[in-house]
Amino acid sequence: MAQSVPVEAPQQNRVWYEGVSRYQWLALAIASLGWVFDVFEGQIFVASTKEALGAILPEQLAAEKVEFFVQLTYAAFLFGGAAGGIAFGMVSDRIGRTKTMILTILFYSLFTCLSAFAQTWWQLAAMRFLVGLGVGGEWAVAAAFVAEVFPKTARARSLGIFHASSVLGTYLAIAAGIWIVNNPRLGWRWGFAVGAAPALLTLVIRFSLRDPESWRGAYQAASSGVGAKLGRFRELFSARQWQSTVAGAGLATVGLATFWGVHVYGKDILRRDREHLYLLQMVGNNPSHVPVSAWEYWSGKRSESVIETDEETEEFLRETGAQHRAFLLRAYAPQMKTWEMLGMLIVTTGGGLGLLSFGPLSERIGRRAAFLLFQLGGLASTLVVFGLPVGWTQWSDPLQLLLLGGFGFLTLGMHAGFAVYFPELFPTRLRGTGSGFCFNIARVLAGPILVLNGLLQSEWHFSLEEARMLLGSLFLIGVVLLTFAPETKGQELPE
């Protein structure tokens, strides 16, 4: 009888991480840590926006005007990220991935720490611009690095894990928001000061990582005059590359505009509804908490100045406007901050699950189809979460938490696709430049959308919910862009 010869298991039956080396896992862990701290530096401002600008801006500014300055500061961060992502992406193609990662981490650590010393809103905005330089650059370099280190069979999932690690950065920002920003003995300035800590990661990179073989080969070829030059920006718009460049930049623009214009406001839903509940309880149970001027206004309009029902409480809150709101909630500020951070935690957790899902999903149905599902799901969840009336879930809190988690899943999940997809669009000599451009030119294009976001509320008097639903329609632009995007599933990285 002939001896049977073992046959290699079919590719589809192999575990995706089979054959991944210890060094490749180390590279993924270090690149992910850089991205974790990258996101922390961005989200610490989200977690301390009200406290930081509340301390810096004049007290007499209306809430709508404060929101306008918030959006300007967000826009400064995005413009900084755009400049840094494009510049450092080109640098990484020319001097290597590891050296550039060190530079970007030092950049965002230093200027986040210096943000703690801002005395005016424009100083804070300037620091956020400089933080953005490092933040935008680090993502592009780390994504290219992981893509080049891992084999094709593990690339999508490893890059999905890399981008999903951003959730840990947001968790750190939430923890800082609760235990540092919300601590009267510390405050928002200390929240920024801890941003210096990630600089220590540069020592680990310096002694643990080496540039990928594909980049070293391209560098040697370019140095000897045999291969094409590295990091040439204009090549992104050559006949061979322009369609990939435009599709990637467009998808990233939709992703970042909806992230800063829609996703980050998911945390406010929980706080908004709890504020509403607190106001109903305090006005109904103890009208003496109401400011005298608001009470006189109410009494002058009614023959009886007694609040006896929830309907009368609602009417009082509508008619006296925001005049009494700060007065009523001042004593409950710590509780409101806790609800806000809980909302941020739930939305972020849902988003993290979405990020982890993109890699396996894109391996099964393709990159374009995965993007399509998240674009349509993001639009639907935005309309549901922001379209429901204030206080509708007072009797059904678990349902609200489930909806917020689903909202985070669907509005954030496609961002992992940027890390998976963009490195697959460009050859090695352009990978950092192309990935950095696509992800970070989106910060420039999304910046005006955020200024528009501020104007919607401050000048045109859209409610928070109306503005979010309007910006949620940007997901439809992402659907259109997918018709121009090439499919890269199952292909080797272009050389």
Protein backbone atom coordinates (compact mmCIF):
# COMPACT_ATOMS: atom_id res chain seq x y z
CA MET A 1 0.00 0.00 0.00
CA ALA A 2 1.35 3.43 -0.94
CA GLN A 3 2.23 5.69 1.93
CA SER A 4 -0.08 8.73 2.18
CA VAL A 5 1.56 12.11 1.82
CA PRO A 6 0.34 14.85 4.18
CA VAL A 7 -1.43 17.59 2.32
CA GLU A 8 -1.24 21.19 3.46
CA ALA A 9 -4.55 22.40 4.86
CA PRO A 10 -6.53 24.64 2.52
CA GLN A 11 -5.91 28.34 3.11
CA GLN A 12 -9.51 28.97 4.16
CA ASN A 13 -9.21 26.41 6.99
CA ARG A 14 -6.10 27.97 8.52
CA VAL A 15 -6.25 30.27 11.52
CA TRP A 16 -5.38 33.79 10.40
CA TYR A 17 -2.53 34.21 12.90
CA GLU A 18 -0.84 30.93 11.98
CA GLY A 19 2.81 31.60 11.21
CA VAL A 20 2.91 35.09 12.74
CA SER A 21 6.27 35.48 14.48
CA ARG A 22 7.04 36.87 17.93
CA TYR A 23 8.67 39.93 16.36
CA GLN A 24 5.56 40.63 14.27
CA TRP A 25 3.39 40.51 17.41
CA LEU A 26 5.85 42.86 19.13
CA ALA A 27 5.73 45.24 16.17
CA LEU A 28 1.92 45.24 16.27
CA ALA A 29 1.90 45.86 20.05
CA ILE A 30 4.32 48.80 19.86
CA ALA A 31 2.62 50.39 16.84
CA SER A 32 -0.73 50.00 18.59
CA LEU A 33 0.59 51.65 21.76
CA GLY A 34 1.70 54.61 19.68
CA TRP A 35 -1.81 54.84 18.25
CA VAL A 36 -3.38 54.44 21.73
CA PHE A 37 -1.49 57.46 23.01
CA ASP A 38 -2.11 59.26 19.73
CA VAL A 39 -5.86 58.95 20.28
CA PHE A 40 -5.55 59.85 23.97
CA GLU A 41 -3.92 63.14 23.00
CA GLY A 42 -6.86 63.88 20.72
CA GLN A 43 -9.64 62.69 23.04
CA ILE A 44 -8.40 64.35 26.23
CA PHE A 45 -9.65 67.62 24.77
CA VAL A 46 -13.02 66.02 24.00
CA ALA A 47 -13.20 64.85 27.64
CA SER A 48 -12.33 68.32 29.00
CA THR A 49 -13.83 70.70 26.43
CA LYS A 50 -16.42 72.24 28.74
CA GLU A 51 -13.95 72.70 31.59
CA ALA A 52 -11.05 74.04 29.51
CA LEU A 53 -12.96 76.54 27.40
CA GLY A 54 -15.25 77.34 30.32
CA ALA A 55 -12.19 78.50 32.27
CA ILE A 56 -10.58 80.38 29.38
CA LEU A 57 -13.52 82.07 27.62
CA PRO A 58 -15.41 85.04 29.13
CA GLU A 59 -18.26 83.94 31.38
CA GLN A 60 -20.85 86.13 29.66
CA LEU A 61 -20.61 84.27 26.35
CA ALA A 62 -23.80 82.41 25.40
CA ALA A 63 -23.66 78.65 25.10
CA GLU A 64 -24.02 78.88 21.31
CA LYS A 65 -20.96 81.16 21.07
CA VAL A 66 -18.94 78.78 23.25
CA GLU A 67 -19.85 75.96 20.85
CA PHE A 68 -18.47 78.02 17.97
CA PHE A 69 -15.08 78.29 19.72
CA VAL A 70 -15.20 74.56 20.43
CA GLN A 71 -15.56 73.87 16.73
CA LEU A 72 -12.74 76.29 15.85
CA THR A 73 -10.44 74.45 18.25
CA TYR A 74 -11.47 71.08 16.81
CA ALA A 75 -10.77 72.46 13.34
CA ALA A 76 -7.28 73.64 14.40
CA PHE A 77 -6.51 70.09 15.56
CA LEU A 78 -7.71 68.66 12.25
CA PHE A 79 -5.66 71.10 10.18
CA GLY A 80 -2.58 70.25 12.25
CA GLY A 81 -3.23 66.55 11.72
CA ALA A 82 -3.48 67.10 7.97
CA ALA A 83 -0.18 68.94 7.76
CA GLY A 84 1.58 66.43 10.01
CA GLY A 85 0.15 63.38 8.31
CA ILE A 86 1.22 64.48 4.84
CA ALA A 87 4.64 65.77 5.91
CA PHE A 88 5.57 62.88 8.21
CA GLY A 89 4.18 60.35 5.73
CA MET A 90 6.65 61.62 3.12
CA VAL A 91 9.43 61.67 5.72
CA SER A 92 8.73 58.03 6.64
CA ASP A 93 9.13 56.96 2.99
CA ARG A 94 12.50 58.74 2.87
CA ILE A 95 14.16 58.11 6.25
CA GLY A 96 12.29 55.02 7.48
CA ARG A 97 9.28 54.03 9.57
CA THR A 98 10.87 53.71 13.02
CA LYS A 99 12.71 57.04 13.06
CA THR A 100 9.57 58.85 11.93
CA MET A 101 7.43 57.14 14.57
CA ILE A 102 9.80 58.42 17.24
CA LEU A 103 9.55 61.98 15.90
CA THR A 104 5.75 61.97 15.77
CA ILE A 105 5.32 60.59 19.31
CA LEU A 106 7.72 63.17 20.73
CA PHE A 107 5.80 65.89 18.90
CA TYR A 108 2.33 65.07 20.21
CA SER A 109 3.56 64.34 23.74
CA LEU A 110 5.34 67.68 24.07
CA PHE A 111 2.54 69.89 22.81
CA THR A 112 -0.24 68.10 24.69
CA CYS A 113 1.72 68.78 27.86
CA LEU A 114 2.21 72.44 26.88
CA SER A 115 -1.56 72.76 26.33
CA ALA A 116 -1.88 72.74 30.12
CA PHE A 117 -0.38 76.24 30.22
CA ALA A 118 -2.81 77.88 27.74
CA GLN A 119 -4.35 81.12 28.99
CA THR A 120 -6.57 82.02 26.01
CA TRP A 121 -8.65 80.02 23.55
CA TRP A 122 -6.31 80.85 20.66
CA GLN A 123 -3.29 79.60 22.64
CA LEU A 124 -5.15 76.35 23.27
CA ALA A 125 -6.13 76.16 19.59
CA ALA A 126 -2.48 76.72 18.58
CA MET A 127 -1.35 73.89 20.87
CA ARG A 128 -4.05 71.64 19.44
CA PHE A 129 -2.74 72.41 15.94
CA LEU A 130 0.78 71.36 16.98
CA VAL A 131 -0.52 68.22 18.73
CA GLY A 132 -2.31 67.41 15.47
CA LEU A 133 0.99 67.52 13.58
CA GLY A 134 2.29 64.55 15.57
CA VAL A 135 -1.05 62.73 15.80
CA GLY A 136 -1.64 62.80 12.04
CA GLY A 137 1.89 61.68 11.27
CA GLU A 138 1.97 58.78 13.73
CA TRP A 139 -1.07 57.02 12.28
CA ALA A 140 0.21 57.07 8.71
CA VAL A 141 3.64 55.72 9.67
CA ALA A 142 2.35 53.03 12.04
CA ALA A 143 -0.29 51.78 9.58
CA ALA A 144 2.30 51.44 6.80
CA PHE A 145 4.69 49.74 9.22
CA VAL A 146 2.19 47.08 10.34
CA ALA A 147 1.05 46.44 6.76
CA GLU A 148 4.63 45.82 5.64
CA VAL A 149 5.56 43.60 8.60
CA PHE A 150 2.59 41.20 8.50
CA PRO A 151 1.89 38.57 5.79
CA LYS A 152 -1.05 38.94 3.42
CA THR A 153 -3.16 36.35 5.26
CA ALA A 154 -2.96 38.29 8.53
CA ARG A 155 -2.78 41.85 7.21
CA ALA A 156 -6.45 42.91 7.41
CA ARG A 157 -6.99 41.51 10.89
CA SER A 158 -3.70 42.83 12.28
CA LEU A 159 -4.45 46.30 10.93
CA GLY A 160 -7.99 46.06 12.32
CA ILE A 161 -6.51 45.28 15.74
CA PHE A 162 -4.06 48.14 15.31
CA HIS A 163 -6.79 50.67 14.61
CA ALA A 164 -9.16 49.21 17.22
CA SER A 165 -6.52 49.87 19.88
CA SER A 166 -7.63 53.51 19.59
CA VAL A 167 -10.45 52.57 21.95
CA LEU A 168 -7.90 52.14 24.74
CA GLY A 169 -6.76 55.71 24.11
CA THR A 170 -10.32 56.93 24.49
CA TYR A 171 -10.70 54.87 27.67
CA LEU A 172 -7.60 56.61 29.04
CA ALA A 173 -9.16 59.97 28.16
CA ILE A 174 -12.40 58.95 29.89
CA ALA A 175 -10.47 57.91 33.02
CA ALA A 176 -8.61 61.24 32.94
CA GLY A 177 -11.95 63.03 32.52
CA ILE A 178 -13.42 61.34 35.57
CA TRP A 179 -10.47 61.25 37.97
CA ILE A 180 -8.35 64.21 36.85
CA VAL A 181 -10.48 66.76 34.96
CA ASN A 182 -13.47 66.22 37.26
CA ASN A 183 -11.28 66.38 40.39
CA PRO A 184 -11.46 69.90 41.95
CA ARG A 185 -7.91 69.50 43.31
CA LEU A 186 -6.50 68.72 39.86
CA GLY A 187 -8.63 69.92 36.93
CA TRP A 188 -8.33 70.08 33.16
CA ARG A 189 -4.75 71.43 33.10
CA TRP A 190 -3.45 68.27 34.77
CA GLY A 191 -5.41 66.23 32.24
CA PHE A 192 -3.25 67.75 29.51
CA ALA A 193 -0.05 67.57 31.56
CA VAL A 194 -0.12 63.77 31.70
CA GLY A 195 0.14 63.84 27.91
CA ALA A 196 3.92 63.93 28.28
CA ALA A 197 4.01 60.27 29.36
CA PRO A 198 3.89 58.66 25.87
CA ALA A 199 7.35 60.10 25.12
CA LEU A 200 8.77 57.12 27.03
CA LEU A 201 7.49 54.82 24.26
CA THR A 202 10.11 56.23 21.90
CA LEU A 203 12.81 54.43 23.87
CA VAL A 204 11.06 51.10 23.27
CA ILE A 205 10.79 51.81 19.54
CA ARG A 206 14.43 52.83 19.34
CA PHE A 207 15.73 49.55 20.78
CA SER A 208 13.05 47.04 19.71
CA LEU A 209 12.00 47.72 16.11
CA ARG A 210 13.70 47.81 12.72
CA ASP A 211 12.44 49.09 9.40
CA PRO A 212 10.55 46.50 7.29
CA GLU A 213 12.48 44.63 4.61
CA SER A 214 10.24 45.95 1.84
CA TRP A 215 11.09 49.55 2.76
CA ARG A 216 14.80 48.79 3.08
CA GLY A 217 14.74 47.21 -0.37
CA ALA A 218 12.98 50.22 -1.89
CA TYR A 219 15.43 52.56 -0.12
CA GLN A 220 18.49 50.69 -1.42
CA ALA A 221 17.08 50.62 -4.95
CA ALA A 222 16.36 54.35 -4.87
CA SER A 223 19.79 55.14 -3.38
CA SER A 224 21.56 53.18 -6.11
CA GLY A 225 19.53 54.83 -8.87
CA VAL A 226 17.88 51.57 -9.92
CA GLY A 227 14.45 52.18 -8.37
CA ALA A 228 12.07 55.13 -8.34
CA LYS A 229 12.57 57.92 -5.83
CA LEU A 230 10.84 57.57 -2.47
CA GLY A 231 7.97 59.68 -1.19
CA ARG A 232 7.33 61.79 -4.29
CA PHE A 233 4.08 63.61 -3.58
CA ARG A 234 3.14 64.35 -7.19
CA GLU A 235 3.17 60.63 -8.01
CA LEU A 236 -0.01 60.25 -5.96
CA PHE A 237 -1.83 61.95 -8.83
CA SER A 238 -0.19 60.08 -11.67
CA ALA A 239 -2.32 58.18 -14.19
CA ARG A 240 -1.81 54.95 -12.21
CA GLN A 241 -2.54 56.33 -8.73
CA TRP A 242 -4.99 59.23 -8.87
CA GLN A 243 -8.18 57.14 -8.63
CA SER A 244 -6.95 55.33 -5.51
CA THR A 245 -5.81 58.62 -3.99
CA VAL A 246 -9.13 60.37 -4.58
CA ALA A 247 -11.20 57.41 -3.33
CA GLY A 248 -9.10 57.04 -0.16
CA ALA A 249 -9.10 60.76 0.61
CA GLY A 250 -12.86 60.99 0.05
CA LEU A 251 -13.66 58.05 2.32
CA ALA A 252 -11.43 59.46 5.04
CA THR A 253 -13.08 62.89 4.73
CA VAL A 254 -16.51 61.38 5.29
CA GLY A 255 -15.14 59.33 8.20
CA LEU A 256 -13.46 62.25 9.99
CA ALA A 257 -16.26 64.74 9.33
CA THR A 258 -18.85 62.34 10.76
CA PHE A 259 -16.53 61.42 13.64
CA TRP A 260 -16.06 65.02 14.84
CA GLY A 261 -19.47 66.22 13.69
CA VAL A 262 -21.61 63.24 14.75
CA HIS A 263 -19.85 60.43 16.64
CA VAL A 264 -18.27 62.48 19.44
CA TYR A 265 -21.70 63.93 20.31
CA GLY A 266 -23.11 60.51 21.13
CA LYS A 267 -21.78 60.94 24.67
CA ASP A 268 -23.97 64.03 25.14
CA ILE A 269 -27.21 62.09 24.70
CA LEU A 270 -26.91 60.41 28.08
CA ARG A 271 -25.98 63.65 29.82
CA ARG A 272 -28.74 65.56 28.02
CA ASP A 273 -31.45 63.16 29.15
CA ARG A 274 -30.13 63.05 32.72
CA GLU A 275 -30.03 66.86 32.84
CA HIS A 276 -33.64 66.90 31.70
CA LEU A 277 -34.62 64.43 34.41
CA TYR A 278 -32.75 66.38 37.12
CA LEU A 279 -34.42 69.62 36.05
CA LEU A 280 -37.87 68.08 36.12
CA GLN A 281 -37.26 66.67 39.59
CA MET A 282 -35.72 69.81 41.09
CA VAL A 283 -38.25 72.30 39.73
CA GLY A 284 -41.17 70.06 40.54
CA ASN A 285 -39.97 69.12 44.04
CA ASN A 286 -38.46 72.39 45.19
CA PRO A 287 -39.24 75.58 43.22
CA SER A 288 -37.05 77.55 45.66
CA HIS A 289 -34.07 76.30 43.61
CA VAL A 290 -35.24 78.40 40.66
CA PRO A 291 -33.58 81.82 40.08
CA VAL A 292 -35.75 84.71 41.24
CA SER A 293 -35.84 86.36 37.82
CA ALA A 294 -37.06 83.17 36.16
CA TRP A 295 -39.70 82.67 38.83
CA GLU A 296 -40.93 86.28 38.50
CA TYR A 297 -41.21 85.83 34.75
CA TRP A 298 -43.27 82.69 35.26
CA SER A 299 -45.44 84.23 37.96
CA GLY A 300 -46.18 87.29 35.84
CA LYS A 301 -47.58 85.13 33.06
CA ARG A 302 -49.82 82.95 35.20
CA SER A 303 -52.51 83.60 37.76
CA GLU A 304 -51.13 80.73 39.84
CA SER A 305 -47.38 80.47 40.31
CA VAL A 306 -47.49 76.87 41.49
CA ILE A 307 -45.88 73.97 39.64
CA GLU A 308 -47.84 70.84 40.33
CA THR A 309 -47.47 68.56 37.30
CA ASP A 310 -44.72 67.37 34.96
CA GLU A 311 -46.50 69.21 32.14
CA GLU A 312 -46.26 72.52 34.04
CA THR A 313 -42.60 71.81 34.79
CA GLU A 314 -41.92 71.22 31.10
CA GLU A 315 -43.71 74.46 30.24
CA PHE A 316 -41.68 76.36 32.83
CA LEU A 317 -38.40 75.00 31.46
CA ARG A 318 -39.35 75.93 27.91
CA GLU A 319 -40.48 79.46 28.70
CA THR A 320 -37.67 80.52 31.00
CA GLY A 321 -35.04 79.16 28.62
CA ALA A 322 -31.42 78.64 29.60
CA GLN A 323 -31.51 81.38 32.26
CA HIS A 324 -32.08 79.01 35.14
CA ARG A 325 -30.28 75.93 33.76
CA ALA A 326 -26.77 76.73 34.98
CA PHE A 327 -28.18 77.75 38.36
CA LEU A 328 -30.08 74.50 38.78
CA LEU A 329 -27.27 72.22 37.61
CA ARG A 330 -24.28 73.94 39.23
CA ALA A 331 -24.56 71.83 42.36
CA TYR A 332 -24.86 68.69 40.24
CA ALA A 333 -21.92 69.33 37.90
CA PRO A 334 -19.91 66.28 39.09
CA GLN A 335 -22.89 63.98 38.54
CA MET A 336 -23.47 65.42 35.08
CA LYS A 337 -19.80 64.91 34.18
CA THR A 338 -20.06 61.29 35.29
CA TRP A 339 -23.08 60.73 33.03
CA GLU A 340 -21.24 62.38 30.15
CA MET A 341 -18.21 60.12 30.64
CA LEU A 342 -20.47 57.05 30.94
CA GLY A 343 -22.01 58.00 27.60
CA MET A 344 -18.53 58.37 26.12
CA LEU A 345 -17.58 54.94 27.51
CA ILE A 346 -20.61 53.23 25.97
CA VAL A 347 -20.22 54.86 22.55
CA THR A 348 -16.49 54.13 22.58
CA THR A 349 -17.00 50.47 23.54
CA GLY A 350 -19.47 50.01 20.72
CA GLY A 351 -17.03 51.75 18.40
CA GLY A 352 -14.22 49.44 19.48
CA LEU A 353 -16.28 46.38 18.63
CA GLY A 354 -17.01 47.94 15.25
CA LEU A 355 -13.31 48.53 14.60
CA LEU A 356 -12.47 44.93 15.48
CA SER A 357 -15.24 43.71 13.18
CA PHE A 358 -14.08 45.52 10.06
CA GLY A 359 -11.00 43.33 9.40
CA PRO A 360 -12.75 39.92 9.49
CA LEU A 361 -15.78 41.34 7.67
CA SER A 362 -13.65 42.82 4.88
CA GLU A 363 -11.83 39.50 4.50
CA ARG A 364 -15.16 37.75 4.02
CA ILE A 365 -17.14 40.17 1.80
CA GLY A 366 -14.45 42.53 0.49
CA ARG A 367 -13.22 46.01 1.43
CA ARG A 368 -15.84 47.95 -0.54
CA ALA A 369 -18.81 45.95 0.75
CA ALA A 370 -17.63 46.35 4.35
CA PHE A 371 -17.36 50.12 3.90
CA LEU A 372 -20.86 50.17 2.40
CA LEU A 373 -22.42 48.37 5.37
CA PHE A 374 -20.87 50.78 7.87
CA GLN A 375 -21.80 53.87 5.84
CA LEU A 376 -25.46 52.90 5.64
CA GLY A 377 -25.51 51.72 9.26
CA GLY A 378 -23.90 54.97 10.43
CA LEU A 379 -26.60 57.02 8.73
CA ALA A 380 -29.44 54.90 10.13
CA SER A 381 -28.11 54.92 13.71
CA THR A 382 -27.52 58.69 13.62
CA LEU A 383 -31.11 59.35 12.57
CA VAL A 384 -32.42 57.06 15.33
CA VAL A 385 -30.24 58.25 18.23
CA PHE A 386 -30.60 61.97 17.55
CA GLY A 387 -34.13 61.80 16.16
CA LEU A 388 -35.79 60.46 19.31
CA PRO A 389 -37.25 63.10 21.68
CA VAL A 390 -35.46 64.25 24.83
CA GLY A 391 -36.18 62.05 27.83
CA TRP A 392 -37.90 59.29 25.86
CA THR A 393 -35.94 56.55 27.66
CA GLN A 394 -36.47 57.54 31.29
CA TRP A 395 -38.48 54.36 31.67
CA SER A 396 -36.16 52.26 29.48
CA ASP A 397 -32.50 53.00 30.21
CA PRO A 398 -31.09 49.65 28.94
CA LEU A 399 -32.58 50.35 25.51
CA GLN A 400 -30.87 53.73 25.40
CA LEU A 401 -27.53 52.18 26.31
CA LEU A 402 -27.98 49.54 23.61
CA LEU A 403 -28.79 52.19 21.01
CA LEU A 404 -25.74 54.26 21.99
CA GLY A 405 -23.49 51.21 21.76
CA GLY A 406 -24.89 50.38 18.32
CA PHE A 407 -24.43 54.00 17.28
CA GLY A 408 -20.76 53.82 18.27
CA PHE A 409 -20.33 50.49 16.45
CA LEU A 410 -21.75 51.77 13.16
CA THR A 411 -20.32 55.31 13.11
CA LEU A 412 -16.76 54.33 14.09
CA GLY A 413 -16.25 50.83 12.71
CA MET A 414 -15.32 51.91 9.18
CA HIS A 415 -12.29 53.82 10.51
CA ALA A 416 -10.45 50.51 10.84
CA GLY A 417 -10.94 50.26 7.10
CA PHE A 418 -8.61 53.22 6.59
CA ALA A 419 -5.75 51.30 8.24
CA VAL A 420 -6.61 48.14 6.30
CA TYR A 421 -7.32 49.72 2.92
CA PHE A 422 -4.97 52.68 2.43
CA PRO A 423 -1.64 50.79 2.66
CA GLU A 424 -3.02 48.36 0.06
CA LEU A 425 -3.57 51.19 -2.45
CA PHE A 426 0.06 52.34 -2.76
CA PRO A 427 3.48 50.83 -3.61
CA THR A 428 6.19 50.69 -0.94
CA ARG A 429 7.93 53.86 -2.11
CA LEU A 430 4.63 55.79 -1.67
CA ARG A 431 2.93 53.87 1.12
CA GLY A 432 3.59 56.33 3.93
CA THR A 433 3.03 59.33 1.65
CA GLY A 434 -0.21 57.94 0.20
CA SER A 435 -1.68 56.67 3.47
CA GLY A 436 -0.73 59.89 5.22
CA PHE A 437 -2.23 62.03 2.48
CA CYS A 438 -5.53 60.11 2.27
CA PHE A 439 -6.11 60.02 6.01
CA ASN A 440 -4.92 63.54 6.74
CA ILE A 441 -6.01 65.67 3.81
CA ALA A 442 -9.40 64.61 5.14
CA ARG A 443 -8.64 66.73 8.21
CA VAL A 444 -8.36 69.80 5.98
CA LEU A 445 -11.54 68.95 4.09
CA ALA A 446 -13.40 68.11 7.31
CA GLY A 447 -12.25 71.34 9.04
CA PRO A 448 -14.73 73.64 7.23
CA ILE A 449 -17.48 71.15 7.95
CA LEU A 450 -16.78 71.56 11.67
CA VAL A 451 -16.86 75.34 11.34
CA LEU A 452 -20.21 74.89 9.61
CA ASN A 453 -21.21 72.66 12.51
CA GLY A 454 -20.54 75.52 14.93
CA LEU A 455 -22.48 77.98 12.79
CA LEU A 456 -25.48 75.65 12.61
CA GLN A 457 -25.98 76.10 16.35
CA SER A 458 -24.55 79.55 17.07
CA GLU A 459 -25.89 81.53 14.09
CA TRP A 460 -28.67 79.49 12.53
CA HIS A 461 -30.04 78.10 15.81
CA PHE A 462 -30.21 74.45 14.89
CA SER A 463 -30.55 72.22 17.94
CA LEU A 464 -27.76 69.79 18.79
CA GLU A 465 -29.90 66.95 17.46
CA GLU A 466 -30.85 68.68 14.20
CA ALA A 467 -27.22 69.55 13.45
CA ARG A 468 -26.10 65.93 14.03
CA MET A 469 -28.78 64.50 11.75
CA LEU A 470 -27.91 66.98 9.01
CA LEU A 471 -24.20 66.09 9.19
CA GLY A 472 -25.12 62.40 9.28
CA SER A 473 -26.21 62.73 5.65
CA LEU A 474 -22.46 62.84 4.79
CA PHE A 475 -22.49 59.04 5.04
CA LEU A 476 -24.35 59.03 1.71
CA ILE A 477 -21.37 60.73 0.06
CA GLY A 478 -19.26 57.82 1.28
CA VAL A 479 -21.63 55.42 -0.47
CA VAL A 480 -21.16 57.29 -3.76
CA LEU A 481 -17.36 57.32 -3.39
CA LEU A 482 -17.27 53.53 -3.18
CA THR A 483 -18.17 53.34 -6.88
CA PHE A 484 -14.67 54.73 -7.63
CA ALA A 485 -12.76 52.65 -5.06
CA PRO A 486 -10.74 49.64 -6.27
CA GLU A 487 -11.15 46.28 -4.52
CA THR A 488 -7.93 45.02 -2.87
CA LYS A 489 -9.12 41.92 -1.01
CA GLY A 490 -6.69 39.00 -1.30
CA GLN A 491 -3.99 40.92 -3.15
CA GLU A 492 -0.33 41.31 -2.24
CA LEU A 493 0.91 44.77 -1.29
CA PRO A 494 1.97 46.62 -4.45
CA GLU A 495 5.76 47.04 -4.78
